[in-house]
C-alpha atoms as a PDB file:
ATOM      1  CA  MET A   1       9.735 -14.644 -22.388  1.00  0.00           C
ATOM      2  CA  PRO A   2       9.208 -11.813 -24.920  1.00  0.00           C
ATOM      3  CA  GLU A   3       9.264  -8.217 -23.790  1.00  0.00           C
ATOM      4  CA  ALA A   4       6.191  -5.989 -23.979  1.00  0.00           C
ATOM      5  CA  PRO A   5       6.782  -3.304 -26.645  1.00  0.00           C
ATOM      6  CA  GLU A   6       7.015   0.247 -25.305  1.00  0.00           C
ATOM      7  CA  GLU A   7       3.957   1.329 -27.302  1.00  0.00           C
ATOM      8  CA  GLN A   8       1.923  -1.383 -25.550  1.00  0.00           C
ATOM      9  CA  TRP A   9       2.140   0.183 -22.094  1.00  0.00           C
ATOM     10  CA  ARG A  10      -0.371  -1.719 -20.007  1.00  0.00           C
ATOM     11  CA  THR A  11      -3.328  -0.187 -18.219  1.00  0.00           C
ATOM     12  CA  TYR A  12      -3.844  -0.599 -14.490  1.00  0.00           C
ATOM     13  CA  ASP A  13      -6.559  -3.243 -14.794  1.00  0.00           C
ATOM     14  CA  GLU A  14      -4.417  -5.303 -17.179  1.00  0.00           C
ATOM     15  CA  PHE A  15      -1.368  -5.565 -14.914  1.00  0.00           C
ATOM     16  CA  ALA A  16      -3.424  -5.906 -11.701  1.00  0.00           C
ATOM     17  CA  ALA A  17      -5.313  -9.007 -12.837  1.00  0.00           C
ATOM     18  CA  GLY A  18      -4.182 -11.896 -10.611  1.00  0.00           C
ATOM     19  CA  ILE A  19      -1.821  -9.810  -8.505  1.00  0.00           C
ATOM     20  CA  ALA A  20      -3.500 -11.007  -5.280  1.00  0.00           C
ATOM     21  CA  THR A  21      -2.777 -14.700  -5.924  1.00  0.00           C
ATOM     22  CA  TYR A  22      -0.228 -14.993  -3.104  1.00  0.00           C
ATOM     23  CA  ARG A  23      -1.942 -12.521  -0.771  1.00  0.00           C
ATOM     24  CA  LEU A  24      -2.450 -13.529   2.848  1.00  0.00           C
ATOM     25  CA  PRO A  25      -6.030 -14.652   3.655  1.00  0.00           C
ATOM     26  CA  ASN A  26      -8.668 -12.160   4.719  1.00  0.00           C
ATOM     27  CA  ALA A  27      -9.479 -11.685   8.398  1.00  0.00           C
ATOM     28  CA  ASP A  28     -13.028 -11.362   9.705  1.00  0.00           C
ATOM     29  CA  LEU A  29     -13.371  -8.402  12.086  1.00  0.00           C
ATOM     30  CA  SER A  30     -17.129  -8.831  12.621  1.00  0.00           C
ATOM     31  CA  GLY A  31     -18.372  -7.183  15.811  1.00  0.00           C
ATOM     32  CA  ARG A  32     -15.156  -5.270  16.515  1.00  0.00           C
ATOM     33  CA  GLU A  33     -15.358  -1.552  17.269  1.00  0.00           C
ATOM     34  CA  LEU A  34     -12.310   0.709  17.176  1.00  0.00           C
ATOM     35  CA  THR A  35     -11.716   4.434  17.301  1.00  0.00           C
ATOM     36  CA  VAL A  36      -8.496   5.728  15.754  1.00  0.00           C
ATOM     37  CA  THR A  37      -7.366   9.232  16.718  1.00  0.00           C
ATOM     38  CA  LEU A  38      -5.148  10.729  14.026  1.00  0.00           C
ATOM     39  CA  ASP A  39      -2.262  13.110  14.595  1.00  0.00           C
ATOM     40  CA  ASP A  40      -4.299  16.066  13.275  1.00  0.00           C
ATOM     41  CA  GLY A  41      -7.008  15.450  15.877  1.00  0.00           C
ATOM     42  CA  LYS A  42      -9.547  13.823  13.554  1.00  0.00           C
ATOM     43  CA  THR A  43     -11.012  10.458  14.545  1.00  0.00           C
ATOM     44  CA  LEU A  44     -12.062   7.364  12.632  1.00  0.00           C
ATOM     45  CA  ALA A  45     -14.852   5.541  14.460  1.00  0.00           C
ATOM     46  CA  LEU A  46     -14.890   2.043  12.938  1.00  0.00           C
ATOM     47  CA  ARG A  47     -17.615  -0.516  13.556  1.00  0.00           C
ATOM     48  CA  PHE A  48     -17.176  -3.764  11.630  1.00  0.00           C
ATOM     49  CA  GLU A  49     -20.705  -4.952  10.886  1.00  0.00           C
ATOM     50  CA  ASP A  50     -19.722  -8.290   9.368  1.00  0.00           C
ATOM     51  CA  ALA A  51     -16.886  -9.842   7.354  1.00  0.00           C
ATOM     52  CA  GLU A  52     -17.260  -7.363   4.490  1.00  0.00           C
ATOM     53  CA  THR A  53     -18.995  -4.185   5.751  1.00  0.00           C
ATOM     54  CA  VAL A  54     -17.743  -1.440   8.058  1.00  0.00           C
ATOM     55  CA  THR A  55     -19.317   1.770   9.307  1.00  0.00           C
ATOM     56  CA  CYS A  56     -16.738   4.574   9.495  1.00  0.00           C
ATOM     57  CA  ASN A  57     -17.920   7.808  11.118  1.00  0.00           C
ATOM     58  CA  GLY A  58     -21.506   6.843  10.339  1.00  0.00           C
ATOM     59  CA  VAL A  59     -20.948   5.900   6.678  1.00  0.00           C
ATOM     60  CA  LYS A  60     -21.102   2.301   5.479  1.00  0.00           C
ATOM     61  CA  ASP A  61     -18.505   0.975   3.061  1.00  0.00           C
ATOM     62  CA  PRO A  62     -16.970  -2.375   2.175  1.00  0.00           C
ATOM     63  CA  TYR A  63     -13.678  -3.391   3.749  1.00  0.00           C
ATOM     64  CA  ASP A  64     -11.119  -6.132   3.601  1.00  0.00           C
ATOM     65  CA  ALA A  65      -8.713  -6.946   6.412  1.00  0.00           C
ATOM     66  CA  VAL A  66      -5.549  -9.031   6.688  1.00  0.00           C
ATOM     67  CA  ALA A  67      -3.769 -10.124   9.860  1.00  0.00           C
ATOM     68  CA  VAL A  68      -0.238  -9.283   8.727  1.00  0.00           C
ATOM     69  CA  ARG A  69       0.978 -10.476  12.123  1.00  0.00           C
ATOM     70  CA  ASP A  70      -1.000 -11.905  15.023  1.00  0.00           C
ATOM     71  CA  ASP A  71      -1.402  -8.428  16.476  1.00  0.00           C
ATOM     72  CA  VAL A  72      -1.203  -6.200  13.364  1.00  0.00           C
ATOM     73  CA  PHE A  73      -4.080  -5.676  10.946  1.00  0.00           C
ATOM     74  CA  PHE A  74      -4.058  -4.127   7.473  1.00  0.00           C
ATOM     75  CA  VAL A  75      -7.583  -2.820   6.740  1.00  0.00           C
ATOM     76  CA  ASN A  76      -8.646  -1.230   3.464  1.00  0.00           C
ATOM     77  CA  LEU A  77     -11.903   0.602   2.778  1.00  0.00           C
ATOM     78  CA  PRO A  78     -12.416   0.751  -1.018  1.00  0.00           C
ATOM     79  CA  HIS A  79     -15.033   3.483  -0.794  1.00  0.00           C
ATOM     80  CA  THR A  80     -18.334   3.085  -2.570  1.00  0.00           C
ATOM     81  CA  SER A  81     -19.729   6.066  -0.644  1.00  0.00           C
ATOM     82  CA  VAL A  82     -17.246   8.371  -2.422  1.00  0.00           C
ATOM     83  CA  GLU A  83     -16.107   7.823  -6.005  1.00  0.00           C
ATOM     84  CA  GLY A  84     -12.375   7.370  -6.580  1.00  0.00           C
ATOM     85  CA  GLU A  85     -11.225   7.234  -2.964  1.00  0.00           C
ATOM     86  CA  ALA A  86      -9.880   4.642  -0.557  1.00  0.00           C
ATOM     87  CA  LEU A  87      -8.887   4.655   3.094  1.00  0.00           C
ATOM     88  CA  THR A  88      -6.293   2.235   4.460  1.00  0.00           C
ATOM     89  CA  VAL A  89      -5.733   1.772   8.187  1.00  0.00           C
ATOM     90  CA  VAL A  90      -2.999  -0.273   9.891  1.00  0.00           C
ATOM     91  CA  PHE A  91      -3.287  -0.890  13.627  1.00  0.00           C
ATOM     92  CA  SER A  92      -1.675  -2.967  16.347  1.00  0.00           C
ATOM     93  CA  THR A  93      -3.628  -4.622  19.159  1.00  0.00           C
ATOM     94  CA  THR A  94      -0.426  -4.725  21.240  1.00  0.00           C
ATOM     95  CA  THR A  95       1.063  -1.236  20.911  1.00  0.00           C
ATOM     96  CA  HIS A  96      -2.272   0.440  20.073  1.00  0.00           C
ATOM     97  CA  ARG A  97      -0.455   2.449  17.414  1.00  0.00           C
ATOM     98  CA  ALA A  98      -2.056   3.078  14.023  1.00  0.00           C
ATOM     99  CA  LEU A  99      -1.504   4.801  10.719  1.00  0.00           C
ATOM    100  CA  ALA A 100      -3.886   5.809   7.958  1.00  0.00           C
ATOM    101  CA  VAL A 101      -3.556   6.565   4.255  1.00  0.00           C
ATOM    102  CA  ARG A 102      -6.188   8.233   2.089  1.00  0.00           C
ATOM    103  CA  SER A 103      -5.796   7.715  -1.675  1.00  0.00           C
ATOM    104  CA  VAL A 104      -7.754   9.972  -4.056  1.00  0.00           C
ATOM    105  CA  ILE A 105      -8.015   9.985  -7.859  1.00  0.00           C
ATOM    106  CA  GLY A 106      -7.775  13.559  -9.147  1.00  0.00           C
ATOM    107  CA  ALA A 107     -10.453  15.051 -11.376  1.00  0.00           C
ATOM    108  CA  GLU A 108      -8.086  15.471 -14.320  1.00  0.00           C
ATOM    109  CA  ASP A 109      -4.522  14.879 -15.453  1.00  0.00           C
ATOM    110  CA  VAL A 110      -1.907  17.476 -14.515  1.00  0.00           C
ATOM    111  CA  GLU A 111       1.411  17.250 -16.344  1.00  0.00           C
ATOM    112  CA  GLY A 112       4.238  16.081 -14.101  1.00  0.00           C
ATOM    113  CA  VAL A 113       1.933  15.178 -11.205  1.00  0.00           C
ATOM    114  CA  PRO A 114       0.592  11.674 -10.444  1.00  0.00           C
ATOM    115  CA  ARG A 115      -3.184  11.504 -10.988  1.00  0.00           C
ATOM    116  CA  VAL A 116      -3.697   9.655  -7.682  1.00  0.00           C
ATOM    117  CA  SER A 117      -2.631  11.529  -4.537  1.00  0.00           C
ATOM    118  CA  GLN A 118      -2.112  10.206  -1.018  1.00  0.00           C
ATOM    119  CA  THR A 119      -2.259  11.688   2.482  1.00  0.00           C
ATOM    120  CA  PHE A 120      -0.687  10.068   5.555  1.00  0.00           C
ATOM    121  CA  TRP A 121      -1.376  10.163   9.289  1.00  0.00           C
ATOM    122  CA  SER A 122      -0.068   8.418  12.371  1.00  0.00           C
ATOM    123  CA  GLY A 123      -2.561   7.637  15.100  1.00  0.00           C
ATOM    124  CA  THR A 124      -3.520   5.718  18.211  1.00  0.00           C
ATOM    125  CA  THR A 125      -6.431   3.431  19.007  1.00  0.00           C
ATOM    126  CA  ASP A 126      -8.795   3.508  21.972  1.00  0.00           C
ATOM    127  CA  ALA A 127      -8.063  -0.138  22.820  1.00  0.00           C
ATOM    128  CA  GLY A 128      -5.289   0.613  25.297  1.00  0.00           C
ATOM    129  CA  THR A 129      -2.356   2.811  26.264  1.00  0.00           C
ATOM    130  CA  PRO A 130      -0.041   3.435  23.279  1.00  0.00           C
ATOM    131  CA  SER A 131       3.487   2.089  23.560  1.00  0.00           C
ATOM    132  CA  GLY A 132       6.547   1.874  21.330  1.00  0.00           C
ATOM    133  CA  GLU A 133       7.657   4.282  18.643  1.00  0.00           C
ATOM    134  CA  VAL A 134       5.235   6.509  16.754  1.00  0.00           C
ATOM    135  CA  PRO A 135       4.820   5.439  13.093  1.00  0.00           C
ATOM    136  CA  GLY A 136       6.423   7.936  10.746  1.00  0.00           C
ATOM    137  CA  PRO A 137       8.597   8.539   7.674  1.00  0.00           C
ATOM    138  CA  SER A 138      11.610   6.245   7.398  1.00  0.00           C
ATOM    139  CA  ARG A 139      14.821   6.125   5.367  1.00  0.00           C
ATOM    140  CA  ASP A 140      15.468   2.483   6.268  1.00  0.00           C
ATOM    141  CA  LEU A 141      14.726   1.115   2.786  1.00  0.00           C
ATOM    142  CA  ILE A 142      17.011   3.497   0.871  1.00  0.00           C
ATOM    143  CA  GLY A 143      19.568   1.451  -1.061  1.00  0.00           C
ATOM    144  CA  LYS A 144      17.685  -1.831  -0.725  1.00  0.00           C
ATOM    145  CA  ARG A 145      16.828  -3.980  -3.734  1.00  0.00           C
ATOM    146  CA  ASN A 146      14.047  -6.580  -3.525  1.00  0.00           C
ATOM    147  CA  VAL A 147      12.101  -8.861  -5.834  1.00  0.00           C
ATOM    148  CA  TYR A 148       8.351  -9.307  -5.273  1.00  0.00           C
ATOM    149  CA  ARG A 149       6.453 -12.414  -6.402  1.00  0.00           C
ATOM    150  CA  TYR A 150       2.687 -11.812  -6.445  1.00  0.00           C
ATOM    151  CA  SER A 151       1.628 -14.766  -8.611  1.00  0.00           C
ATOM    152  CA  PRO A 152       3.189 -17.247 -11.063  1.00  0.00           C
ATOM    153  CA  GLU A 153       2.774 -14.485 -13.677  1.00  0.00           C
ATOM    154  CA  HIS A 154       3.752 -11.424 -11.587  1.00  0.00           C
ATOM    155  CA  LEU A 155       7.401 -10.796 -10.678  1.00  0.00           C
ATOM    156  CA  TYR A 156       8.698  -7.271 -10.046  1.00  0.00           C
ATOM    157  CA  GLU A 157      11.954  -5.736  -8.884  1.00  0.00           C
ATOM    158  CA  HIS A 158      12.085  -2.630  -6.671  1.00  0.00           C
ATOM    159  CA  VAL A 159      15.083  -0.434  -5.909  1.00  0.00           C
ATOM    160  CA  TYR A 160      14.510   2.202  -3.224  1.00  0.00           C
ATOM    161  CA  VAL A 161      16.618   5.127  -4.376  1.00  0.00           C
ATOM    162  CA  SER A 162      15.628   7.955  -2.000  1.00  0.00           C
ATOM    163  CA  SER A 163      13.027   9.101   0.507  1.00  0.00           C
ATOM    164  CA  GLN A 164      10.876  10.271  -2.399  1.00  0.00           C
ATOM    165  CA  ARG A 165      11.335   7.815  -5.265  1.00  0.00           C
ATOM    166  CA  TYR A 166      11.771   4.172  -6.134  1.00  0.00           C
ATOM    167  CA  ALA A 167      12.605   2.378  -9.387  1.00  0.00           C
ATOM    168  CA  TRP A 168      10.757  -0.713 -10.619  1.00  0.00           C
ATOM    169  CA  GLN A 169      10.858  -3.139 -13.489  1.00  0.00           C
ATOM    170  CA  CYS A 170       8.671  -6.074 -14.432  1.00  0.00           C
ATOM    171  CA  LEU A 171      10.609  -9.341 -14.770  1.00  0.00           C
ATOM    172  CA  GLU A 172       7.592 -11.575 -15.501  1.00  0.00           C
ATOM    173  CA  GLY A 173       4.069 -10.634 -16.518  1.00  0.00           C
ATOM    174  CA  VAL A 174       2.190  -8.472 -18.999  1.00  0.00           C
ATOM    175  CA  GLN A 175       4.466  -5.522 -18.160  1.00  0.00           C
ATOM    176  CA  ARG A 176       7.679  -7.470 -18.829  1.00  0.00           C
ATOM    177  CA  GLY A 177      10.312  -5.072 -20.123  1.00  0.00           C
ATOM    178  CA  HIS A 178       8.552  -2.050 -18.668  1.00  0.00           C
ATOM    179  CA  GLY A 179       9.793  -0.019 -15.742  1.00  0.00           C
ATOM    180  CA  ASP A 180       9.929   3.500 -14.377  1.00  0.00           C
ATOM    181  CA  MET A 181      10.921   5.669 -11.439  1.00  0.00           C
ATOM    182  CA  ASP A 182       7.893   6.903  -9.514  1.00  0.00           C
ATOM    183  CA  LEU A 183       7.074   8.861  -6.382  1.00  0.00           C
ATOM    184  CA  SER A 184       7.062   6.791  -3.212  1.00  0.00           C
ATOM    185  CA  THR A 185       6.580   7.120   0.534  1.00  0.00           C
ATOM    186  CA  VAL A 186       7.955   4.818   3.234  1.00  0.00           C
ATOM    187  CA  TRP A 187       6.868   4.842   6.871  1.00  0.00           C
ATOM    188  CA  LYS A 188       8.083   2.542   9.610  1.00  0.00           C
ATOM    189  CA  PHE A 189       5.180   1.069  11.559  1.00  0.00           C
ATOM    190  CA  GLN A 190       7.225  -1.055  13.952  1.00  0.00           C
ATOM    191  CA  ASP A 191      10.264  -3.331  13.840  1.00  0.00           C
ATOM    192  CA  GLY A 192      10.357  -5.028  10.439  1.00  0.00           C
ATOM    193  CA  LEU A 193       7.024  -3.574   9.258  1.00  0.00           C
ATOM    194  CA  TYR A 194       7.141  -0.816   6.662  1.00  0.00           C
ATOM    195  CA  LEU A 195       4.349   1.025   4.903  1.00  0.00           C
ATOM    196  CA  PHE A 196       5.341   1.492   1.261  1.00  0.00           C
ATOM    197  CA  CYS A 197       3.214   3.571  -1.107  1.00  0.00           C
ATOM    198  CA  PHE A 198       3.786   4.606  -4.700  1.00  0.00           C
ATOM    199  CA  ARG A 199       2.109   7.011  -7.110  1.00  0.00           C
ATOM    200  CA  GLU A 200       2.739   6.422 -10.808  1.00  0.00           C
ATOM    201  CA  PHE A 201       3.249   9.128 -13.412  1.00  0.00           C
ATOM    202  CA  ARG A 202       2.456   7.243 -16.626  1.00  0.00           C
ATOM    203  CA  ILE A 203      -0.858   5.741 -15.578  1.00  0.00           C
ATOM    204  CA  ALA A 204      -3.423   6.796 -12.973  1.00  0.00           C
ATOM    205  CA  VAL A 205      -2.684   4.359 -10.171  1.00  0.00           C
ATOM    206  CA  ALA A 206      -1.353   4.386  -6.618  1.00  0.00           C
ATOM    207  CA  SER A 207      -0.862   1.638  -4.087  1.00  0.00           C
ATOM    208  CA  VAL A 208      -0.539   1.031  -0.367  1.00  0.00           C
ATOM    209  CA  TRP A 209       1.569  -1.889   0.897  1.00  0.00           C
ATOM    210  CA  LEU A 210       2.674  -3.178   4.272  1.00  0.00           C
ATOM    211  CA  HIS A 211       6.016  -4.958   3.864  1.00  0.00           C
ATOM    212  CA  ASP A 212       6.910  -7.476   6.556  1.00  0.00           C
ATOM    213  CA  LEU A 213      10.683  -7.526   6.231  1.00  0.00           C
ATOM    214  CA  GLY A 214      11.119  -9.614   9.363  1.00  0.00           C
ATOM    215  CA  TYR A 215      11.042 -13.399   9.245  1.00  0.00           C
ATOM    216  CA  ALA A 216       7.827 -13.554   7.195  1.00  0.00           C
ATOM    217  CA  LEU A 217       9.076 -11.680   4.095  1.00  0.00           C
ATOM    218  CA  LYS A 218       5.499 -11.132   2.930  1.00  0.00           C
ATOM    219  CA  THR A 219       3.718  -8.051   1.644  1.00  0.00           C
ATOM    220  CA  THR A 220       0.045  -7.094   1.680  1.00  0.00           C
ATOM    221  CA  GLY A 221      -1.326  -4.301  -0.468  1.00  0.00           C
ATOM    222  CA  VAL A 222      -4.072  -2.584  -2.406  1.00  0.00           C
ATOM    223  CA  PHE A 223      -4.322  -0.482  -5.570  1.00  0.00           C
ATOM    224  CA  LEU A 224      -6.571   2.402  -6.567  1.00  0.00           C
ATOM    225  CA  GLY A 225      -6.567   3.636 -10.143  1.00  0.00           C
ATOM    226  CA  LEU A 226      -8.336   4.177 -13.427  1.00  0.00           C
ATOM    227  CA  THR A 227      -8.971   1.294 -15.814  1.00  0.00           C
ATOM    228  CA  GLY A 228      -8.362   1.474 -19.536  1.00  0.00           C
ATOM    229  CA  ASP A 229     -11.918   2.698 -20.097  1.00  0.00           C
ATOM    230  CA  GLY A 230     -11.687   5.381 -17.403  1.00  0.00           C
ATOM    231  CA  ARG A 231     -13.459   3.695 -14.475  1.00  0.00           C
ATOM    232  CA  SER A 232     -12.076   3.888 -10.945  1.00  0.00           C
ATOM    233  CA  GLU A 233     -11.176   0.462  -9.610  1.00  0.00           C
ATOM    234  CA  HIS A 234      -9.860  -1.014  -6.355  1.00  0.00           C
ATOM    235  CA  SER A 235      -7.669  -4.138  -6.365  1.00  0.00           C
ATOM    236  CA  ARG A 236      -6.148  -6.289  -3.651  1.00  0.00           C
ATOM    237  CA  ALA A 237      -2.554  -7.472  -3.886  1.00  0.00           C
ATOM    238  CA  GLY A 238       0.083  -9.375  -1.970  1.00  0.00           C
ATOM    239  CA  GLY A 239       2.928 -11.815  -2.205  1.00  0.00           C
ATOM    240  CA  HIS A 240       6.448 -12.868  -1.240  1.00  0.00           C
ATOM    241  CA  ILE A 241       9.534 -10.679  -0.787  1.00  0.00           C
ATOM    242  CA  TYR A 242      12.984 -11.837  -1.896  1.00  0.00           C
ATOM    243  CA  PRO A 243      15.778  -9.450  -0.807  1.00  0.00           C
ATOM    244  CA  LEU A 244      18.569  -9.146  -3.387  1.00  0.00           C
ATOM    245  CA  GLY A 245      20.897  -6.887  -1.449  1.00  0.00           C
ATOM    246  CA  ALA A 246      21.580  -3.299  -0.455  1.00  0.00           C
ATOM    247  CA  VAL A 247      24.067  -0.504  -0.962  1.00  0.00           C
ATOM    248  CA  ALA A 248      25.286   2.142   1.509  1.00  0.00           C
ATOM    249  CA  TYR A 249      26.287   5.621   0.407  1.00  0.00           C
ATOM    250  CA  PRO A 250      29.730   6.595   1.776  1.00  0.00           C
ATOM    251  CA  ASP A 251      29.322  10.372   1.836  1.00  0.00           C
ATOM    252  CA  ALA A 252      26.591  12.363   0.059  1.00  0.00           C
ATOM    253  CA  GLN A 253      23.189  10.885   0.851  1.00  0.00           C
ATOM    254  CA  PRO A 254      20.000  10.760  -1.248  1.00  0.00           C
ATOM    255  CA  VAL A 255      17.211  13.158  -0.317  1.00  0.00           C
END
């Protein structure tokens, strides 16, 4: 397979096309109501009107949901009420723990800073008494090397190099031959479930993923970014995880 020339760096909408081929099926949360209290005291009052519409704090937006496990849901709100924003919520119906990520496209490019920023919260739901560990930043993925298959045409390698960055390269797809080291954030949600988010420097795009590194070895995610013609766009994603190995640092540790 030929490599993509460096001068043909692909736009977000070009590489994202088809990247949800192996995504887990959507879940219908119609009729469910849930209030998530975040660690800063703010609340998200969610009422799922039907299979595609949710009211969050009185504002209607579309949503898509995936049952990552029987008791864990990955819910994304690709806002139409606010341009260039998305809210992702992960919650457990067993532990009643939750986390939330807000992704926002900045008004303009700033040199050395990703155009899309992200803010993170842990939280609890009103469905029961919280149990288990509180979701939060994790170093568990540092040193791990995985391959991600999102479709027959999308194959990427990730190497988690520190608590702040990861390296990637495209092995198959329109970005073949391209790679970079971008800002990343990893939170542990519960055993085997890790929130992984990245914010790219070269193009205006960020993503939110929930990696199931237990027996399932599946990942579910979303993107928010700017297309080649400058429009904000939301994309769903997902696929299979193939661990390649890991390294352990003997003395000095990455940040």
